[in-house]
Amino acid sequence: MADPGGVGYQPAVPASSRCAPVLGELSIVLPCHDEAENVETVVRAACEAASAVASRWEVVVVDDGSADGTGDRVRALATGQDAIRLVRHDRNQGYGAALKSGFREARYDHVFYTDGDGQFDLGQLARFLGAPGRRPGTVLAGYRHPRRDSLIRSLNGRSWTALANATLGLGVRDVNCAFKLFPRELLAATPLSSRGAAIDAEILAEARWRGYPIAEAPVEHRPRRHGRQSGARPAVIARALFELWELRQRRARA
């Protein structure tokens, strides 16, 4: 059986062809909702990427109340592999709630997250970690370049980034890009409240307010091949706007 640090996982790529680890420890968090067609490929890619860049690692998959067997597929992958862990919500609680559950379960000093939909190539993680400006204690935020979404989704993303930057003073290019690395100490010290799509804005705002430097790097983005996107639903947008207003009020009170 694999040990908790992922040492027992056998990568498909020969060890001689992989780069030397650049991190001591790494937790990869993958939030998923109805991603049965994508999740196995993404989890395997996460294991390969983590084993190439970290000495000790884990992959934490959060199944946010999926109804399509997403959790069952992860459970099968995790059999005999302690480095792959499944956290399951009995019902769909929202994107932010899924990330918070994953962050609470993360055990290692560096916490990286990306989505379980396969729109990001995890093979670029090593290059991402080598971005200029990254040093110990830095938040590393990706920005999609180019973004491979529909026109309306891309416009929504740009508008949300502009609004979050103006409201919270974030100063980043792509607030909701799901390719970020955080110091675990930041997540442990931050009482996150967002349960929806404002979670990224909240974490970045907390990092700014607490004096953590934020470095940015471009990441390749791919079209979604399977499943459906839910970020443009009116209820999701309304929830995000309300949570953003709450964050602004909280900062004003502080």
C-alpha atoms as a PDB file:
ATOM      1  CA  MET A   1       0.000   0.000   0.000  1.00  0.00           C
ATOM      2  CA  ALA A   2       1.233   3.477  -0.815  1.00  0.00           C
ATOM      3  CA  ASP A   3       2.291   5.684   2.048  1.00  0.00           C
ATOM      4  CA  PRO A   4       0.582   9.045   2.715  1.00  0.00           C
ATOM      5  CA  GLY A   5       3.330  10.918   0.915  1.00  0.00           C
ATOM      6  CA  GLY A   6       2.704   9.282  -2.418  1.00  0.00           C
ATOM      7  CA  VAL A   7       5.995   7.346  -2.354  1.00  0.00           C
ATOM      8  CA  GLY A   8       4.232   4.124  -3.289  1.00  0.00           C
ATOM      9  CA  TYR A   9       2.626   5.530  -6.421  1.00  0.00           C
ATOM     10  CA  GLN A  10       4.304   4.261  -9.575  1.00  0.00           C
ATOM     11  CA  PRO A  11       4.333   6.970 -12.272  1.00  0.00           C
ATOM     12  CA  ALA A  12       3.959   5.922 -15.884  1.00  0.00           C
ATOM     13  CA  VAL A  13       6.900   8.192 -16.779  1.00  0.00           C
ATOM     14  CA  PRO A  14      10.310   6.646 -15.949  1.00  0.00           C
ATOM     15  CA  ALA A  15      12.014   8.347 -13.006  1.00  0.00           C
ATOM     16  CA  SER A  16      15.109   9.032 -15.117  1.00  0.00           C
ATOM     17  CA  SER A  17      13.095  11.299 -17.451  1.00  0.00           C
ATOM     18  CA  ARG A  18      11.388  13.359 -14.761  1.00  0.00           C
ATOM     19  CA  CYS A  19      12.674  16.648 -13.392  1.00  0.00           C
ATOM     20  CA  ALA A  20      14.079  16.921  -9.886  1.00  0.00           C
ATOM     21  CA  PRO A  21      11.439  17.881  -7.280  1.00  0.00           C
ATOM     22  CA  VAL A  22      11.145  21.625  -6.769  1.00  0.00           C
ATOM     23  CA  LEU A  23       8.860  21.385  -3.713  1.00  0.00           C
ATOM     24  CA  GLY A  24       9.246  19.415  -0.533  1.00  0.00           C
ATOM     25  CA  GLU A  25       5.524  18.788  -0.091  1.00  0.00           C
ATOM     26  CA  LEU A  26       2.482  19.339  -2.263  1.00  0.00           C
ATOM     27  CA  SER A  27      -1.258  18.798  -1.930  1.00  0.00           C
ATOM     28  CA  ILE A  28      -3.276  18.964  -5.159  1.00  0.00           C
ATOM     29  CA  VAL A  29      -6.996  19.699  -4.639  1.00  0.00           C
ATOM     30  CA  LEU A  30      -9.455  18.828  -7.419  1.00  0.00           C
ATOM     31  CA  PRO A  31     -13.067  20.062  -6.969  1.00  0.00           C
ATOM     32  CA  CYS A  32     -15.520  18.061  -9.093  1.00  0.00           C
ATOM     33  CA  HIS A  33     -19.239  18.043  -9.801  1.00  0.00           C
ATOM     34  CA  ASP A  34     -20.577  15.529 -12.332  1.00  0.00           C
ATOM     35  CA  GLU A  35     -17.177  14.971 -13.948  1.00  0.00           C
ATOM     36  CA  ALA A  36     -17.325  11.183 -14.373  1.00  0.00           C
ATOM     37  CA  GLU A  37     -16.113  11.441 -17.973  1.00  0.00           C
ATOM     38  CA  ASN A  38     -13.101  13.576 -17.010  1.00  0.00           C
ATOM     39  CA  VAL A  39     -12.072  12.740 -13.480  1.00  0.00           C
ATOM     40  CA  GLU A  40      -9.994   9.594 -14.061  1.00  0.00           C
ATOM     41  CA  THR A  41      -7.807  11.292 -16.656  1.00  0.00           C
ATOM     42  CA  VAL A  42      -7.391  14.381 -14.473  1.00  0.00           C
ATOM     43  CA  VAL A  43      -6.511  12.413 -11.316  1.00  0.00           C
ATOM     44  CA  ARG A  44      -3.895  10.375 -13.164  1.00  0.00           C
ATOM     45  CA  ALA A  45      -2.421  13.544 -14.651  1.00  0.00           C
ATOM     46  CA  ALA A  46      -2.350  15.124 -11.177  1.00  0.00           C
ATOM     47  CA  CYS A  47      -0.449  12.146  -9.779  1.00  0.00           C
ATOM     48  CA  GLU A  48       2.103  12.326 -12.593  1.00  0.00           C
ATOM     49  CA  ALA A  49       2.557  16.066 -12.171  1.00  0.00           C
ATOM     50  CA  ALA A  50       2.837  15.894  -8.386  1.00  0.00           C
ATOM     51  CA  SER A  51       5.373  13.048  -8.443  1.00  0.00           C
ATOM     52  CA  ALA A  52       7.539  15.097 -10.818  1.00  0.00           C
ATOM     53  CA  VAL A  53       7.675  18.271  -8.706  1.00  0.00           C
ATOM     54  CA  ALA A  54       7.388  17.197  -5.057  1.00  0.00           C
ATOM     55  CA  SER A  55       9.077  14.727  -2.739  1.00  0.00           C
ATOM     56  CA  ARG A  56       5.899  14.130  -0.742  1.00  0.00           C
ATOM     57  CA  TRP A  57       2.490  14.671  -2.284  1.00  0.00           C
ATOM     58  CA  GLU A  58      -1.192  13.821  -2.298  1.00  0.00           C
ATOM     59  CA  VAL A  59      -4.192  14.350  -4.566  1.00  0.00           C
ATOM     60  CA  VAL A  60      -7.420  15.313  -2.763  1.00  0.00           C
ATOM     61  CA  VAL A  61     -10.544  14.978  -4.919  1.00  0.00           C
ATOM     62  CA  VAL A  62     -13.706  16.689  -3.652  1.00  0.00           C
ATOM     63  CA  ASP A  63     -16.894  15.231  -5.126  1.00  0.00           C
ATOM     64  CA  ASP A  64     -19.438  18.002  -4.609  1.00  0.00           C
ATOM     65  CA  GLY A  65     -22.621  15.926  -4.618  1.00  0.00           C
ATOM     66  CA  SER A  66     -22.208  14.403  -8.075  1.00  0.00           C
ATOM     67  CA  ALA A  67     -25.039  12.244  -9.434  1.00  0.00           C
ATOM     68  CA  ASP A  68     -23.090  10.614 -12.289  1.00  0.00           C
ATOM     69  CA  GLY A  69     -20.728   8.285 -10.430  1.00  0.00           C
ATOM     70  CA  THR A  70     -17.788  10.681 -10.173  1.00  0.00           C
ATOM     71  CA  GLY A  71     -17.070   9.572  -6.606  1.00  0.00           C
ATOM     72  CA  ASP A  72     -17.175   5.883  -7.534  1.00  0.00           C
ATOM     73  CA  ARG A  73     -14.547   6.378 -10.215  1.00  0.00           C
ATOM     74  CA  VAL A  74     -12.243   8.207  -7.810  1.00  0.00           C
ATOM     75  CA  ARG A  75     -12.781   5.559  -5.158  1.00  0.00           C
ATOM     76  CA  ALA A  76     -11.701   2.881  -7.618  1.00  0.00           C
ATOM     77  CA  LEU A  77      -8.555   4.839  -8.490  1.00  0.00           C
ATOM     78  CA  ALA A  78      -7.750   5.324  -4.797  1.00  0.00           C
ATOM     79  CA  THR A  79      -7.885   1.604  -3.972  1.00  0.00           C
ATOM     80  CA  GLY A  80      -4.461   0.747  -2.603  1.00  0.00           C
ATOM     81  CA  GLN A  81      -3.187   4.273  -3.212  1.00  0.00           C
ATOM     82  CA  ASP A  82      -3.122   6.356  -0.042  1.00  0.00           C
ATOM     83  CA  ALA A  83      -1.832   9.335  -2.016  1.00  0.00           C
ATOM     84  CA  ILE A  84      -5.273   9.659  -3.677  1.00  0.00           C
ATOM     85  CA  ARG A  85      -7.986  10.755  -1.255  1.00  0.00           C
ATOM     86  CA  LEU A  86     -11.701  11.293  -1.818  1.00  0.00           C
ATOM     87  CA  VAL A  87     -13.832  13.834   0.068  1.00  0.00           C
ATOM     88  CA  ARG A  88     -17.532  13.597  -0.726  1.00  0.00           C
ATOM     89  CA  HIS A  89     -20.435  15.993  -0.156  1.00  0.00           C
ATOM     90  CA  ASP A  90     -23.812  14.294   0.104  1.00  0.00           C
ATOM     91  CA  ARG A  91     -25.345  17.167  -1.848  1.00  0.00           C
ATOM     92  CA  ASN A  92     -24.081  19.885  -4.143  1.00  0.00           C
ATOM     93  CA  GLN A  93     -22.885  22.758  -1.940  1.00  0.00           C
ATOM     94  CA  GLY A  94     -21.118  25.003  -4.447  1.00  0.00           C
ATOM     95  CA  TYR A  95     -17.669  25.554  -5.898  1.00  0.00           C
ATOM     96  CA  GLY A  96     -16.334  27.483  -2.931  1.00  0.00           C
ATOM     97  CA  ALA A  97     -17.622  24.897  -0.477  1.00  0.00           C
ATOM     98  CA  ALA A  98     -15.863  22.152  -2.445  1.00  0.00           C
ATOM     99  CA  LEU A  99     -12.572  24.040  -2.408  1.00  0.00           C
ATOM    100  CA  LYS A 100     -12.846  24.752   1.312  1.00  0.00           C
ATOM    101  CA  SER A 101     -13.376  21.045   2.034  1.00  0.00           C
ATOM    102  CA  GLY A 102     -10.319  20.204  -0.026  1.00  0.00           C
ATOM    103  CA  PHE A 103      -8.201  22.870   1.637  1.00  0.00           C
ATOM    104  CA  ARG A 104      -9.203  21.611   5.096  1.00  0.00           C
ATOM    105  CA  GLU A 105      -8.094  18.108   4.157  1.00  0.00           C
ATOM    106  CA  ALA A 106      -4.787  19.195   2.589  1.00  0.00           C
ATOM    107  CA  ARG A 107      -1.860  18.091   4.737  1.00  0.00           C
ATOM    108  CA  TYR A 108       1.188  19.532   3.019  1.00  0.00           C
ATOM    109  CA  ASP A 109       2.958  22.895   2.999  1.00  0.00           C
ATOM    110  CA  HIS A 110       2.014  23.881  -0.554  1.00  0.00           C
ATOM    111  CA  VAL A 111      -1.575  23.590  -1.805  1.00  0.00           C
ATOM    112  CA  PHE A 112      -2.286  23.667  -5.532  1.00  0.00           C
ATOM    113  CA  TYR A 113      -5.738  23.456  -7.032  1.00  0.00           C
ATOM    114  CA  THR A 114      -7.235  23.037 -10.452  1.00  0.00           C
ATOM    115  CA  ASP A 115     -10.628  21.899 -11.727  1.00  0.00           C
ATOM    116  CA  GLY A 116     -11.607  18.323 -12.460  1.00  0.00           C
ATOM    117  CA  ASP A 117     -12.946  19.153 -15.929  1.00  0.00           C
ATOM    118  CA  GLY A 118      -9.684  18.619 -17.807  1.00  0.00           C
ATOM    119  CA  GLN A 119      -9.405  22.138 -19.241  1.00  0.00           C
ATOM    120  CA  PHE A 120      -5.887  22.571 -17.857  1.00  0.00           C
ATOM    121  CA  ASP A 121      -2.874  20.454 -18.791  1.00  0.00           C
ATOM    122  CA  LEU A 122      -1.274  19.443 -15.519  1.00  0.00           C
ATOM    123  CA  GLY A 123       1.900  18.656 -17.418  1.00  0.00           C
ATOM    124  CA  GLN A 124       2.666  22.389 -17.275  1.00  0.00           C
ATOM    125  CA  LEU A 125       2.816  22.403 -13.468  1.00  0.00           C
ATOM    126  CA  ALA A 126       6.618  22.190 -13.316  1.00  0.00           C
ATOM    127  CA  ARG A 127       6.976  25.159 -15.669  1.00  0.00           C
ATOM    128  CA  PHE A 128       4.321  27.049 -13.706  1.00  0.00           C
ATOM    129  CA  LEU A 129       6.234  26.553 -10.449  1.00  0.00           C
ATOM    130  CA  GLY A 130       9.320  28.016 -12.071  1.00  0.00           C
ATOM    131  CA  ALA A 131       7.569  31.306 -12.865  1.00  0.00           C
ATOM    132  CA  PRO A 132       9.606  34.484 -12.256  1.00  0.00           C
ATOM    133  CA  GLY A 133       8.764  36.103  -8.954  1.00  0.00           C
ATOM    134  CA  ARG A 134       7.829  32.927  -7.091  1.00  0.00           C
ATOM    135  CA  ARG A 135       9.625  32.570  -3.788  1.00  0.00           C
ATOM    136  CA  PRO A 136       8.730  30.966  -0.451  1.00  0.00           C
ATOM    137  CA  GLY A 137       5.404  32.272   0.834  1.00  0.00           C
ATOM    138  CA  THR A 138       4.238  33.516  -2.566  1.00  0.00           C
ATOM    139  CA  VAL A 139       0.753  32.970  -3.948  1.00  0.00           C
ATOM    140  CA  LEU A 140       1.156  31.879  -7.563  1.00  0.00           C
ATOM    141  CA  ALA A 141      -1.876  32.666  -9.753  1.00  0.00           C
ATOM    142  CA  GLY A 142      -2.270  31.484 -13.326  1.00  0.00           C
ATOM    143  CA  TYR A 143      -4.017  33.376 -16.085  1.00  0.00           C
ATOM    144  CA  ARG A 144      -5.488  31.663 -19.139  1.00  0.00           C
ATOM    145  CA  HIS A 145      -3.520  32.506 -22.274  1.00  0.00           C
ATOM    146  CA  PRO A 146      -5.353  32.057 -24.504  1.00  0.00           C
ATOM    147  CA  ARG A 147      -8.712  31.269 -22.939  1.00  0.00           C
ATOM    148  CA  ARG A 148     -10.548  28.426 -24.738  1.00  0.00           C
ATOM    149  CA  ASP A 149     -14.138  29.155 -23.764  1.00  0.00           C
ATOM    150  CA  SER A 150     -17.182  30.454 -25.588  1.00  0.00           C
ATOM    151  CA  LEU A 151     -17.353  34.187 -26.285  1.00  0.00           C
ATOM    152  CA  ILE A 152     -20.044  34.809 -23.662  1.00  0.00           C
ATOM    153  CA  ARG A 153     -18.148  32.839 -21.013  1.00  0.00           C
ATOM    154  CA  SER A 154     -14.925  34.688 -21.827  1.00  0.00           C
ATOM    155  CA  LEU A 155     -16.696  38.052 -21.601  1.00  0.00           C
ATOM    156  CA  ASN A 156     -18.247  37.050 -18.285  1.00  0.00           C
ATOM    157  CA  GLY A 157     -14.789  36.120 -17.007  1.00  0.00           C
ATOM    158  CA  ARG A 158     -13.235  39.419 -18.025  1.00  0.00           C
ATOM    159  CA  SER A 159     -16.111  41.354 -16.480  1.00  0.00           C
ATOM    160  CA  TRP A 160     -15.848  39.413 -13.224  1.00  0.00           C
ATOM    161  CA  THR A 161     -12.102  40.004 -13.027  1.00  0.00           C
ATOM    162  CA  ALA A 162     -12.567  43.736 -13.611  1.00  0.00           C
ATOM    163  CA  LEU A 163     -15.291  43.931 -10.968  1.00  0.00           C
ATOM    164  CA  ALA A 164     -13.350  41.935  -8.362  1.00  0.00           C
ATOM    165  CA  ASN A 165     -10.207  43.987  -8.975  1.00  0.00           C
ATOM    166  CA  ALA A 166     -12.126  47.236  -8.598  1.00  0.00           C
ATOM    167  CA  THR A 167     -14.027  46.062  -5.530  1.00  0.00           C
ATOM    168  CA  LEU A 168     -11.226  44.365  -3.594  1.00  0.00           C
ATOM    169  CA  GLY A 169      -8.042  45.835  -5.063  1.00  0.00           C
ATOM    170  CA  LEU A 170      -6.688  42.475  -6.221  1.00  0.00           C
ATOM    171  CA  GLY A 171      -4.694  43.633  -9.231  1.00  0.00           C
ATOM    172  CA  VAL A 172      -4.627  40.267 -11.038  1.00  0.00           C
ATOM    173  CA  ARG A 173      -5.293  39.336 -14.665  1.00  0.00           C
ATOM    174  CA  ASP A 174      -7.662  36.380 -14.259  1.00  0.00           C
ATOM    175  CA  VAL A 175      -9.315  36.097 -10.855  1.00  0.00           C
ATOM    176  CA  ASN A 176     -11.089  32.769 -11.413  1.00  0.00           C
ATOM    177  CA  CYS A 177      -8.350  30.923 -13.292  1.00  0.00           C
ATOM    178  CA  ALA A 178      -8.349  27.477 -11.668  1.00  0.00           C
ATOM    179  CA  PHE A 179      -4.569  27.066 -11.609  1.00  0.00           C
ATOM    180  CA  LYS A 180      -3.190  28.440  -8.351  1.00  0.00           C
ATOM    181  CA  LEU A 181      -0.647  27.582  -5.681  1.00  0.00           C
ATOM    182  CA  PHE A 182      -1.090  28.751  -2.080  1.00  0.00           C
ATOM    183  CA  PRO A 183       0.990  28.460   1.077  1.00  0.00           C
ATOM    184  CA  ARG A 184      -0.979  26.170   3.379  1.00  0.00           C
ATOM    185  CA  GLU A 185      -0.410  28.595   6.254  1.00  0.00           C
ATOM    186  CA  LEU A 186      -2.446  31.240   4.396  1.00  0.00           C
ATOM    187  CA  LEU A 187      -5.395  28.880   3.932  1.00  0.00           C
ATOM    188  CA  ALA A 188      -5.197  27.667   7.540  1.00  0.00           C
ATOM    189  CA  ALA A 189      -5.210  31.243   8.894  1.00  0.00           C
ATOM    190  CA  THR A 190      -8.046  32.491   6.687  1.00  0.00           C
ATOM    191  CA  PRO A 191     -11.702  32.005   7.773  1.00  0.00           C
ATOM    192  CA  LEU A 192     -13.079  31.629   4.228  1.00  0.00           C
ATOM    193  CA  SER A 193     -16.792  32.324   3.922  1.00  0.00           C
ATOM    194  CA  SER A 194     -17.577  32.089   0.187  1.00  0.00           C
ATOM    195  CA  ARG A 195     -19.430  28.953  -0.887  1.00  0.00           C
ATOM    196  CA  GLY A 196     -19.745  29.890  -4.563  1.00  0.00           C
ATOM    197  CA  ALA A 197     -17.639  31.375  -7.340  1.00  0.00           C
ATOM    198  CA  ALA A 198     -16.288  34.263  -5.247  1.00  0.00           C
ATOM    199  CA  ILE A 199     -13.920  31.914  -3.408  1.00  0.00           C
ATOM    200  CA  ASP A 200     -10.926  32.839  -5.615  1.00  0.00           C
ATOM    201  CA  ALA A 201     -11.503  36.548  -5.083  1.00  0.00           C
ATOM    202  CA  GLU A 202     -11.753  35.976  -1.336  1.00  0.00           C
ATOM    203  CA  ILE A 203      -8.478  34.039  -1.085  1.00  0.00           C
ATOM    204  CA  LEU A 204      -6.599  36.551  -3.228  1.00  0.00           C
ATOM    205  CA  ALA A 205      -8.027  39.427  -1.187  1.00  0.00           C
ATOM    206  CA  GLU A 206      -6.980  37.762   2.064  1.00  0.00           C
ATOM    207  CA  ALA A 207      -3.498  37.242   0.626  1.00  0.00           C
ATOM    208  CA  ARG A 208      -3.259  40.949  -0.260  1.00  0.00           C
ATOM    209  CA  TRP A 209      -4.590  42.055   3.131  1.00  0.00           C
ATOM    210  CA  ARG A 210      -2.207  39.751   4.998  1.00  0.00           C
ATOM    211  CA  GLY A 211       0.853  40.857   3.009  1.00  0.00           C
ATOM    212  CA  TYR A 212       1.464  37.749   0.907  1.00  0.00           C
ATOM    213  CA  PRO A 213       3.074  38.530  -2.451  1.00  0.00           C
ATOM    214  CA  ILE A 214       1.141  37.372  -5.537  1.00  0.00           C
ATOM    215  CA  ALA A 215       3.032  36.315  -8.664  1.00  0.00           C
ATOM    216  CA  GLU A 216       1.297  35.526 -11.959  1.00  0.00           C
ATOM    217  CA  ALA A 217       2.113  33.200 -14.846  1.00  0.00           C
ATOM    218  CA  PRO A 218       0.365  32.266 -18.105  1.00  0.00           C
ATOM    219  CA  VAL A 219      -1.124  28.782 -18.372  1.00  0.00           C
ATOM    220  CA  GLU A 220      -2.468  26.943 -21.388  1.00  0.00           C
ATOM    221  CA  HIS A 221      -6.226  26.434 -21.432  1.00  0.00           C
ATOM    222  CA  ARG A 222      -8.143  23.794 -23.382  1.00  0.00           C
ATOM    223  CA  PRO A 223     -11.760  23.532 -24.549  1.00  0.00           C
ATOM    224  CA  ARG A 224     -13.981  21.351 -22.391  1.00  0.00           C
ATOM    225  CA  ARG A 225     -14.375  17.942 -24.050  1.00  0.00           C
ATOM    226  CA  HIS A 226     -16.918  16.270 -21.775  1.00  0.00           C
ATOM    227  CA  GLY A 227     -19.630  17.393 -19.367  1.00  0.00           C
ATOM    228  CA  ARG A 228     -21.350  20.724 -18.946  1.00  0.00           C
ATOM    229  CA  GLN A 229     -20.172  24.034 -17.538  1.00  0.00           C
ATOM    230  CA  SER A 230     -22.326  25.624 -14.833  1.00  0.00           C
ATOM    231  CA  GLY A 231     -20.526  28.891 -14.093  1.00  0.00           C
ATOM    232  CA  ALA A 232     -22.767  31.011 -16.331  1.00  0.00           C
ATOM    233  CA  ARG A 233     -26.047  30.023 -14.682  1.00  0.00           C
ATOM    234  CA  PRO A 234     -27.958  33.038 -13.302  1.00  0.00           C
ATOM    235  CA  ALA A 235     -28.098  31.536  -9.810  1.00  0.00           C
ATOM    236  CA  VAL A 236     -24.319  31.018  -9.788  1.00  0.00           C
ATOM    237  CA  ILE A 237     -23.681  34.585 -10.961  1.00  0.00           C
ATOM    238  CA  ALA A 238     -26.123  36.057  -8.433  1.00  0.00           C
ATOM    239  CA  ARG A 239     -24.508  34.137  -5.601  1.00  0.00           C
ATOM    240  CA  ALA A 240     -21.036  35.283  -6.639  1.00  0.00           C
ATOM    241  CA  LEU A 241     -22.116  38.929  -6.796  1.00  0.00           C
ATOM    242  CA  PHE A 242     -23.696  38.727  -3.338  1.00  0.00           C
ATOM    243  CA  GLU A 243     -20.600  37.092  -1.881  1.00  0.00           C
ATOM    244  CA  LEU A 244     -18.385  39.744  -3.480  1.00  0.00           C
ATOM    245  CA  TRP A 245     -20.513  42.475  -1.898  1.00  0.00           C
ATOM    246  CA  GLU A 246     -20.211  40.712   1.478  1.00  0.00           C
ATOM    247  CA  LEU A 247     -16.424  40.591   1.108  1.00  0.00           C
ATOM    248  CA  ARG A 248     -16.328  44.319   0.374  1.00  0.00           C
ATOM    249  CA  GLN A 249     -18.482  45.051   3.419  1.00  0.00           C
ATOM    250  CA  ARG A 250     -16.288  42.868   5.609  1.00  0.00           C
ATOM    251  CA  ARG A 251     -13.173  44.668   4.449  1.00  0.00           C
ATOM    252  CA  ALA A 252     -14.783  48.057   5.023  1.00  0.00           C
ATOM    253  CA  ARG A 253     -15.644  47.074   8.587  1.00  0.00           C
ATOM    254  CA  ALA A 254     -12.097  45.839   9.177  1.00  0.00           C
END
